[in-house]
Amino acid sequence: LDDWSKIKLLTVQINRLRDWCRDGLLCIGDSAHAMSPAGGVGINLAIQDAVAAANLLADKLRAGPVSVDDLRKVQARREWPTRLIQGLQVFIHRRVVTGRPSTKGSSLPFVLRLLKWFPILRQLPARFIGLGPRPEHFRSPTSI
């Protein structure tokens, strides 16, 4: 790096499209839902979107064009995990990144207190972040 002008500011956004598809187009990953770098889960969701799309659409695509209703099934399957993870990211930004305490005082949220009280539960956040709330698994035609 030889010049500070080569440094660019990353604009963090957490948002999503209302409709992920139109006739002939399906948006997944960042094109459907912008994620914050918080938690490093954007790529996980994008890959899971792709796996869900493959599982839901592969057979239909082999037979010919798919309908908008077929494409909407991908959004129907993947929107809930996306909303959940984005909600977690908003929480992280409000509580951790910005350093602003909650309006209810400085006590830890109930879920975090549970993790503190019950060490066996501490593996759950890593699993949730790593695999997501609805993990997708590729189904090959021979495994169905």
C-alpha atoms as a PDB file:
ATOM      1  CA  LEU A   1       0.000   0.000   0.000  1.00  0.00           C
ATOM      2  CA  ASP A   2       1.661   3.190  -1.114  1.00  0.00           C
ATOM      3  CA  ASP A   3      -1.226   5.659  -1.025  1.00  0.00           C
ATOM      4  CA  TRP A   4      -4.154   6.127   1.372  1.00  0.00           C
ATOM      5  CA  SER A   5      -6.441   6.842  -1.573  1.00  0.00           C
ATOM      6  CA  LYS A   6      -6.333   3.096  -2.286  1.00  0.00           C
ATOM      7  CA  ILE A   7      -8.192   2.457   0.961  1.00  0.00           C
ATOM      8  CA  LYS A   8     -11.936   2.156   0.435  1.00  0.00           C
ATOM      9  CA  LEU A   9     -14.661   2.300   3.034  1.00  0.00           C
ATOM     10  CA  LEU A  10     -17.005  -0.667   3.099  1.00  0.00           C
ATOM     11  CA  THR A  11     -20.590   0.455   3.337  1.00  0.00           C
ATOM     12  CA  VAL A  12     -22.353  -2.080   5.524  1.00  0.00           C
ATOM     13  CA  GLN A  13     -25.959  -2.796   4.637  1.00  0.00           C
ATOM     14  CA  ILE A  14     -28.426  -5.305   5.960  1.00  0.00           C
ATOM     15  CA  ASN A  15     -31.371  -5.523   3.601  1.00  0.00           C
ATOM     16  CA  ARG A  16     -33.241  -7.888   1.321  1.00  0.00           C
ATOM     17  CA  LEU A  17     -35.420  -7.810  -1.748  1.00  0.00           C
ATOM     18  CA  ARG A  18     -39.152  -8.092  -1.253  1.00  0.00           C
ATOM     19  CA  ASP A  19     -39.351 -10.434  -4.262  1.00  0.00           C
ATOM     20  CA  TRP A  20     -36.335 -12.606  -5.071  1.00  0.00           C
ATOM     21  CA  CYS A  21     -37.549 -13.600  -8.514  1.00  0.00           C
ATOM     22  CA  ARG A  22     -39.204 -12.599 -11.745  1.00  0.00           C
ATOM     23  CA  ASP A  23     -39.897 -14.560 -14.877  1.00  0.00           C
ATOM     24  CA  GLY A  24     -36.524 -16.006 -15.900  1.00  0.00           C
ATOM     25  CA  LEU A  25     -34.585 -14.549 -12.937  1.00  0.00           C
ATOM     26  CA  LEU A  26     -33.845 -15.825  -9.430  1.00  0.00           C
ATOM     27  CA  CYS A  27     -31.759 -13.730  -7.043  1.00  0.00           C
ATOM     28  CA  ILE A  28     -29.917 -15.587  -4.283  1.00  0.00           C
ATOM     29  CA  GLY A  29     -27.082 -14.702  -1.928  1.00  0.00           C
ATOM     30  CA  ASP A  30     -26.032 -11.060  -1.870  1.00  0.00           C
ATOM     31  CA  SER A  31     -28.249 -10.234  -4.839  1.00  0.00           C
ATOM     32  CA  ALA A  32     -31.305 -11.223  -2.756  1.00  0.00           C
ATOM     33  CA  HIS A  33     -30.139 -10.178   0.696  1.00  0.00           C
ATOM     34  CA  ALA A  34     -27.197  -7.981   1.658  1.00  0.00           C
ATOM     35  CA  MET A  35     -25.530  -9.167   4.840  1.00  0.00           C
ATOM     36  CA  SER A  36     -23.242  -7.448   7.284  1.00  0.00           C
ATOM     37  CA  PRO A  37     -19.768  -8.907   7.760  1.00  0.00           C
ATOM     38  CA  ALA A  38     -20.781  -9.437  11.419  1.00  0.00           C
ATOM     39  CA  GLY A  39     -20.571 -13.141  12.114  1.00  0.00           C
ATOM     40  CA  GLY A  40     -19.088 -13.890   8.695  1.00  0.00           C
ATOM     41  CA  VAL A  41     -22.236 -15.729   7.610  1.00  0.00           C
ATOM     42  CA  GLY A  42     -23.083 -14.089   4.290  1.00  0.00           C
ATOM     43  CA  ILE A  43     -21.251 -16.736   2.280  1.00  0.00           C
ATOM     44  CA  ASN A  44     -22.921 -19.501   4.298  1.00  0.00           C
ATOM     45  CA  LEU A  45     -26.374 -18.155   3.450  1.00  0.00           C
ATOM     46  CA  ALA A  46     -25.432 -17.690  -0.202  1.00  0.00           C
ATOM     47  CA  ILE A  47     -24.249 -21.292  -0.500  1.00  0.00           C
ATOM     48  CA  GLN A  48     -27.351 -22.560   1.278  1.00  0.00           C
ATOM     49  CA  ASP A  49     -29.522 -20.491  -1.083  1.00  0.00           C
ATOM     50  CA  ALA A  50     -27.751 -22.144  -4.024  1.00  0.00           C
ATOM     51  CA  VAL A  51     -28.188 -25.636  -2.573  1.00  0.00           C
ATOM     52  CA  ALA A  52     -31.878 -25.002  -1.901  1.00  0.00           C
ATOM     53  CA  ALA A  53     -32.319 -23.676  -5.448  1.00  0.00           C
ATOM     54  CA  ALA A  54     -30.611 -26.752  -6.886  1.00  0.00           C
ATOM     55  CA  ASN A  55     -32.711 -29.104  -4.785  1.00  0.00           C
ATOM     56  CA  LEU A  56     -35.979 -27.370  -5.628  1.00  0.00           C
ATOM     57  CA  LEU A  57     -35.386 -26.569  -9.298  1.00  0.00           C
ATOM     58  CA  ALA A  58     -32.975 -29.113 -10.832  1.00  0.00           C
ATOM     59  CA  ASP A  59     -35.552 -31.675 -11.940  1.00  0.00           C
ATOM     60  CA  LYS A  60     -37.894 -29.009 -13.259  1.00  0.00           C
ATOM     61  CA  LEU A  61     -35.067 -27.301 -15.173  1.00  0.00           C
ATOM     62  CA  ARG A  62     -34.143 -30.622 -16.786  1.00  0.00           C
ATOM     63  CA  ALA A  63     -37.706 -30.826 -18.092  1.00  0.00           C
ATOM     64  CA  GLY A  64     -37.750 -27.250 -19.414  1.00  0.00           C
ATOM     65  CA  PRO A  65     -38.315 -23.690 -18.220  1.00  0.00           C
ATOM     66  CA  VAL A  66     -39.481 -23.132 -14.665  1.00  0.00           C
ATOM     67  CA  SER A  67     -42.347 -20.910 -13.612  1.00  0.00           C
ATOM     68  CA  VAL A  68     -42.220 -17.920 -11.298  1.00  0.00           C
ATOM     69  CA  ASP A  69     -44.111 -20.058  -8.778  1.00  0.00           C
ATOM     70  CA  ASP A  70     -41.255 -22.589  -8.896  1.00  0.00           C
ATOM     71  CA  LEU A  71     -38.741 -19.789  -8.291  1.00  0.00           C
ATOM     72  CA  ARG A  72     -40.808 -18.407  -5.409  1.00  0.00           C
ATOM     73  CA  LYS A  73     -40.404 -21.733  -3.608  1.00  0.00           C
ATOM     74  CA  VAL A  74     -36.707 -20.953  -3.161  1.00  0.00           C
ATOM     75  CA  GLN A  75     -37.524 -17.654  -1.473  1.00  0.00           C
ATOM     76  CA  ALA A  76     -40.216 -19.330   0.614  1.00  0.00           C
ATOM     77  CA  ARG A  77     -37.657 -21.847   1.881  1.00  0.00           C
ATOM     78  CA  ARG A  78     -34.745 -19.438   2.415  1.00  0.00           C
ATOM     79  CA  GLU A  79     -36.382 -16.196   3.569  1.00  0.00           C
ATOM     80  CA  TRP A  80     -36.965 -17.260   7.184  1.00  0.00           C
ATOM     81  CA  PRO A  81     -33.296 -18.204   7.835  1.00  0.00           C
ATOM     82  CA  THR A  82     -32.220 -14.975   6.141  1.00  0.00           C
ATOM     83  CA  ARG A  83     -34.510 -12.829   8.301  1.00  0.00           C
ATOM     84  CA  LEU A  84     -33.336 -14.608  11.441  1.00  0.00           C
ATOM     85  CA  ILE A  85     -29.628 -14.168  10.684  1.00  0.00           C
ATOM     86  CA  GLN A  86     -30.134 -10.543   9.633  1.00  0.00           C
ATOM     87  CA  GLY A  87     -31.954  -9.906  12.914  1.00  0.00           C
ATOM     88  CA  LEU A  88     -28.968 -11.349  14.764  1.00  0.00           C
ATOM     89  CA  GLN A  89     -26.656  -9.112  12.759  1.00  0.00           C
ATOM     90  CA  VAL A  90     -28.720  -6.026  13.610  1.00  0.00           C
ATOM     91  CA  PHE A  91     -28.481  -7.028  17.287  1.00  0.00           C
ATOM     92  CA  ILE A  92     -24.697  -7.418  16.987  1.00  0.00           C
ATOM     93  CA  HIS A  93     -24.410  -4.005  15.358  1.00  0.00           C
ATOM     94  CA  ARG A  94     -26.523  -2.315  18.003  1.00  0.00           C
ATOM     95  CA  ARG A  95     -24.943  -3.977  21.019  1.00  0.00           C
ATOM     96  CA  VAL A  96     -21.385  -4.745  19.993  1.00  0.00           C
ATOM     97  CA  VAL A  97     -20.241  -2.780  16.959  1.00  0.00           C
ATOM     98  CA  THR A  98     -21.712   0.595  17.911  1.00  0.00           C
ATOM     99  CA  GLY A  99     -21.071   0.083  21.616  1.00  0.00           C
ATOM    100  CA  ARG A 100     -24.510   1.366  22.513  1.00  0.00           C
ATOM    101  CA  PRO A 101     -26.061  -0.384  25.483  1.00  0.00           C
ATOM    102  CA  SER A 102     -29.627  -1.584  25.344  1.00  0.00           C
ATOM    103  CA  THR A 103     -32.402   0.659  26.585  1.00  0.00           C
ATOM    104  CA  LYS A 104     -33.128  -1.812  29.371  1.00  0.00           C
ATOM    105  CA  GLY A 105     -29.810  -1.249  31.111  1.00  0.00           C
ATOM    106  CA  SER A 106     -26.519  -3.033  30.804  1.00  0.00           C
ATOM    107  CA  SER A 107     -27.558  -6.567  31.675  1.00  0.00           C
ATOM    108  CA  LEU A 108     -26.886  -9.350  29.203  1.00  0.00           C
ATOM    109  CA  PRO A 109     -29.797 -10.589  27.118  1.00  0.00           C
ATOM    110  CA  PHE A 110     -31.509 -13.652  28.567  1.00  0.00           C
ATOM    111  CA  VAL A 111     -30.098 -16.006  25.923  1.00  0.00           C
ATOM    112  CA  LEU A 112     -26.536 -14.897  26.682  1.00  0.00           C
ATOM    113  CA  ARG A 113     -27.138 -15.322  30.407  1.00  0.00           C
ATOM    114  CA  LEU A 114     -28.267 -18.896  29.711  1.00  0.00           C
ATOM    115  CA  LEU A 115     -24.971 -19.536  27.930  1.00  0.00           C
ATOM    116  CA  LYS A 116     -23.104 -18.153  30.918  1.00  0.00           C
ATOM    117  CA  TRP A 117     -25.058 -20.284  33.390  1.00  0.00           C
ATOM    118  CA  PHE A 118     -25.017 -23.532  31.377  1.00  0.00           C
ATOM    119  CA  PRO A 119     -21.601 -24.144  29.768  1.00  0.00           C
ATOM    120  CA  ILE A 120     -22.936 -27.104  27.769  1.00  0.00           C
ATOM    121  CA  LEU A 121     -25.040 -24.650  25.740  1.00  0.00           C
ATOM    122  CA  ARG A 122     -21.996 -22.622  24.629  1.00  0.00           C
ATOM    123  CA  GLN A 123     -21.487 -24.744  21.519  1.00  0.00           C
ATOM    124  CA  LEU A 124     -24.910 -23.774  20.162  1.00  0.00           C
ATOM    125  CA  PRO A 125     -24.058 -20.240  18.947  1.00  0.00           C
ATOM    126  CA  ALA A 126     -21.110 -21.528  16.899  1.00  0.00           C
ATOM    127  CA  ARG A 127     -23.301 -24.229  15.391  1.00  0.00           C
ATOM    128  CA  PHE A 128     -26.045 -21.687  14.668  1.00  0.00           C
ATOM    129  CA  ILE A 129     -23.601 -19.269  13.029  1.00  0.00           C
ATOM    130  CA  GLY A 130     -21.765 -22.004  11.118  1.00  0.00           C
ATOM    131  CA  LEU A 131     -24.735 -24.010   9.872  1.00  0.00           C
ATOM    132  CA  GLY A 132     -27.568 -21.524  10.135  1.00  0.00           C
ATOM    133  CA  PRO A 133     -31.085 -22.016  11.423  1.00  0.00           C
ATOM    134  CA  ARG A 134     -32.083 -24.221   8.457  1.00  0.00           C
ATOM    135  CA  PRO A 135     -29.047 -26.061   7.040  1.00  0.00           C
ATOM    136  CA  GLU A 136     -29.400 -27.163   3.435  1.00  0.00           C
ATOM    137  CA  HIS A 137     -28.020 -30.469   2.165  1.00  0.00           C
ATOM    138  CA  PHE A 138     -27.544 -31.253  -1.496  1.00  0.00           C
ATOM    139  CA  ARG A 139     -29.855 -34.014  -2.727  1.00  0.00           C
ATOM    140  CA  SER A 140     -28.587 -35.702  -5.847  1.00  0.00           C
ATOM    141  CA  PRO A 141     -31.154 -37.367  -8.099  1.00  0.00           C
ATOM    142  CA  THR A 142     -29.850 -40.776  -7.007  1.00  0.00           C
ATOM    143  CA  SER A 143     -30.356 -39.981  -3.326  1.00  0.00           C
ATOM    144  CA  ILE A 144     -33.997 -38.941  -3.696  1.00  0.00           C
END
